[in-house]
């Protein structure tokens, strides 16, 4: 579990996960290709709180500073709910 890691290690792992996801998404509009999939919705459920949560954490700050991730989340939000998320 995470409790065996230091806060700095947890931050590094979280930032690495955000970077890996952003790299994957940068090559395609959605995780599965040209259309949203269940995988997009599952990952969206984990990512959107990082993007929308007002509390500052190193990993959330990294997610918020990653344009490709914000753009992807906006596409998923629009596809799922029919409206863009609040800025």
C-alpha atoms as a PDB file:
ATOM      1  CA  UNK A   1       0.000   0.000   0.000  1.00  0.00           C
ATOM      2  CA  UNK A   2       0.871   3.656  -0.212  1.00  0.00           C
ATOM      3  CA  UNK A   3       1.568   3.949   3.518  1.00  0.00           C
ATOM      4  CA  UNK A   4       4.910   2.226   3.059  1.00  0.00           C
ATOM      5  CA  UNK A   5       6.068   5.107   0.842  1.00  0.00           C
ATOM      6  CA  UNK A   6       7.179   8.581   1.820  1.00  0.00           C
ATOM      7  CA  UNK A   7       5.087  11.591   0.774  1.00  0.00           C
ATOM      8  CA  UNK A   8       7.747  12.463  -1.812  1.00  0.00           C
ATOM      9  CA  UNK A   9       7.606   8.951  -3.271  1.00  0.00           C
ATOM     10  CA  UNK A  10       3.801   9.078  -3.438  1.00  0.00           C
ATOM     11  CA  UNK A  11       3.987  12.448  -5.212  1.00  0.00           C
ATOM     12  CA  UNK A  12       6.518  11.097  -7.706  1.00  0.00           C
ATOM     13  CA  UNK A  13       4.357   8.041  -8.428  1.00  0.00           C
ATOM     14  CA  UNK A  14       1.248  10.181  -8.900  1.00  0.00           C
ATOM     15  CA  UNK A  15       3.029  12.580 -11.224  1.00  0.00           C
ATOM     16  CA  UNK A  16       4.422   9.656 -13.221  1.00  0.00           C
ATOM     17  CA  UNK A  17       0.907   8.220 -13.608  1.00  0.00           C
ATOM     18  CA  UNK A  18      -0.430  11.584 -14.809  1.00  0.00           C
ATOM     19  CA  UNK A  19       2.442  11.881 -17.304  1.00  0.00           C
ATOM     20  CA  UNK A  20       1.904   8.340 -18.607  1.00  0.00           C
ATOM     21  CA  UNK A  21      -1.830   8.925 -19.047  1.00  0.00           C
ATOM     22  CA  UNK A  22      -1.208  12.241 -20.804  1.00  0.00           C
ATOM     23  CA  UNK A  23       1.331  10.608 -23.140  1.00  0.00           C
ATOM     24  CA  UNK A  24      -1.170   7.873 -24.010  1.00  0.00           C
ATOM     25  CA  UNK A  25      -4.031  10.309 -24.572  1.00  0.00           C
ATOM     26  CA  UNK A  26      -1.881  12.660 -26.664  1.00  0.00           C
ATOM     27  CA  UNK A  27      -1.731  10.034 -29.421  1.00  0.00           C
ATOM     28  CA  UNK A  28      -5.524   9.657 -29.743  1.00  0.00           C
ATOM     29  CA  UNK A  29      -8.707  11.538 -28.863  1.00  0.00           C
ATOM     30  CA  UNK A  30      -9.924   8.824 -26.467  1.00  0.00           C
ATOM     31  CA  UNK A  31      -8.359   5.892 -24.648  1.00  0.00           C
ATOM     32  CA  UNK A  32      -9.865   3.395 -27.074  1.00  0.00           C
ATOM     33  CA  UNK A  33      -9.338   5.420 -30.231  1.00  0.00           C
ATOM     34  CA  UNK A  34     -11.786   7.664 -32.065  1.00  0.00           C
ATOM     35  CA  UNK A  35     -14.803   7.328 -29.755  1.00  0.00           C
ATOM     36  CA  UNK A  36     -15.340   7.396 -25.992  1.00  0.00           C
ATOM     37  CA  UNK A  37     -15.372   3.998 -24.308  1.00  0.00           C
ATOM     38  CA  UNK A  38     -16.083   2.531 -20.893  1.00  0.00           C
ATOM     39  CA  UNK A  39     -12.367   2.859 -20.178  1.00  0.00           C
ATOM     40  CA  UNK A  40     -12.614   6.616 -20.745  1.00  0.00           C
ATOM     41  CA  UNK A  41     -15.511   6.845 -18.316  1.00  0.00           C
ATOM     42  CA  UNK A  42     -13.709   4.768 -15.685  1.00  0.00           C
ATOM     43  CA  UNK A  43     -10.534   6.840 -15.908  1.00  0.00           C
ATOM     44  CA  UNK A  44     -12.549  10.070 -16.092  1.00  0.00           C
ATOM     45  CA  UNK A  45     -14.050   9.164 -12.717  1.00  0.00           C
ATOM     46  CA  UNK A  46     -10.569   9.120 -11.245  1.00  0.00           C
ATOM     47  CA  UNK A  47      -9.137  12.125 -13.084  1.00  0.00           C
ATOM     48  CA  UNK A  48     -11.966  14.657 -12.917  1.00  0.00           C
ATOM     49  CA  UNK A  49     -11.784  15.021  -9.131  1.00  0.00           C
ATOM     50  CA  UNK A  50      -8.106  15.955  -9.497  1.00  0.00           C
ATOM     51  CA  UNK A  51      -9.026  18.590 -12.062  1.00  0.00           C
ATOM     52  CA  UNK A  52     -12.082  19.984 -10.276  1.00  0.00           C
ATOM     53  CA  UNK A  53     -11.057  19.720  -6.633  1.00  0.00           C
ATOM     54  CA  UNK A  54     -10.134  23.137  -5.219  1.00  0.00           C
ATOM     55  CA  UNK A  55      -7.718  21.698  -2.644  1.00  0.00           C
ATOM     56  CA  UNK A  56      -4.127  21.933  -3.861  1.00  0.00           C
ATOM     57  CA  UNK A  57      -2.015  18.796  -3.867  1.00  0.00           C
ATOM     58  CA  UNK A  58       1.125  18.111  -5.883  1.00  0.00           C
ATOM     59  CA  UNK A  59      -0.604  15.482  -8.033  1.00  0.00           C
ATOM     60  CA  UNK A  60      -3.752  17.553  -8.585  1.00  0.00           C
ATOM     61  CA  UNK A  61      -1.597  20.553  -9.492  1.00  0.00           C
ATOM     62  CA  UNK A  62       0.245  18.387 -12.024  1.00  0.00           C
ATOM     63  CA  UNK A  63      -3.044  17.188 -13.526  1.00  0.00           C
ATOM     64  CA  UNK A  64      -4.376  20.751 -13.734  1.00  0.00           C
ATOM     65  CA  UNK A  65      -1.166  21.862 -15.456  1.00  0.00           C
ATOM     66  CA  UNK A  66      -1.443  19.158 -18.139  1.00  0.00           C
ATOM     67  CA  UNK A  67      -3.386  20.603 -21.097  1.00  0.00           C
ATOM     68  CA  UNK A  68      -3.834  17.279 -22.911  1.00  0.00           C
ATOM     69  CA  UNK A  69      -5.447  15.797 -19.793  1.00  0.00           C
ATOM     70  CA  UNK A  70      -7.731  18.795 -19.282  1.00  0.00           C
ATOM     71  CA  UNK A  71      -8.781  18.701 -22.950  1.00  0.00           C
ATOM     72  CA  UNK A  72      -9.473  14.957 -22.803  1.00  0.00           C
ATOM     73  CA  UNK A  73     -11.527  15.354 -19.614  1.00  0.00           C
ATOM     74  CA  UNK A  74     -13.516  18.131 -21.255  1.00  0.00           C
ATOM     75  CA  UNK A  75     -14.251  15.879 -24.270  1.00  0.00           C
ATOM     76  CA  UNK A  76     -15.400  13.060 -21.981  1.00  0.00           C
ATOM     77  CA  UNK A  77     -17.534  15.404 -19.892  1.00  0.00           C
ATOM     78  CA  UNK A  78     -19.183  16.807 -23.001  1.00  0.00           C
ATOM     79  CA  UNK A  79     -19.761  13.325 -24.460  1.00  0.00           C
ATOM     80  CA  UNK A  80     -21.221  12.022 -21.202  1.00  0.00           C
ATOM     81  CA  UNK A  81     -23.267  15.018 -20.094  1.00  0.00           C
ATOM     82  CA  UNK A  82     -23.832  17.041 -23.250  1.00  0.00           C
ATOM     83  CA  UNK A  83     -22.213  20.174 -21.852  1.00  0.00           C
ATOM     84  CA  UNK A  84     -18.657  21.357 -21.272  1.00  0.00           C
ATOM     85  CA  UNK A  85     -17.461  21.344 -17.671  1.00  0.00           C
ATOM     86  CA  UNK A  86     -17.314  24.611 -15.782  1.00  0.00           C
ATOM     87  CA  UNK A  87     -14.000  26.391 -16.349  1.00  0.00           C
END
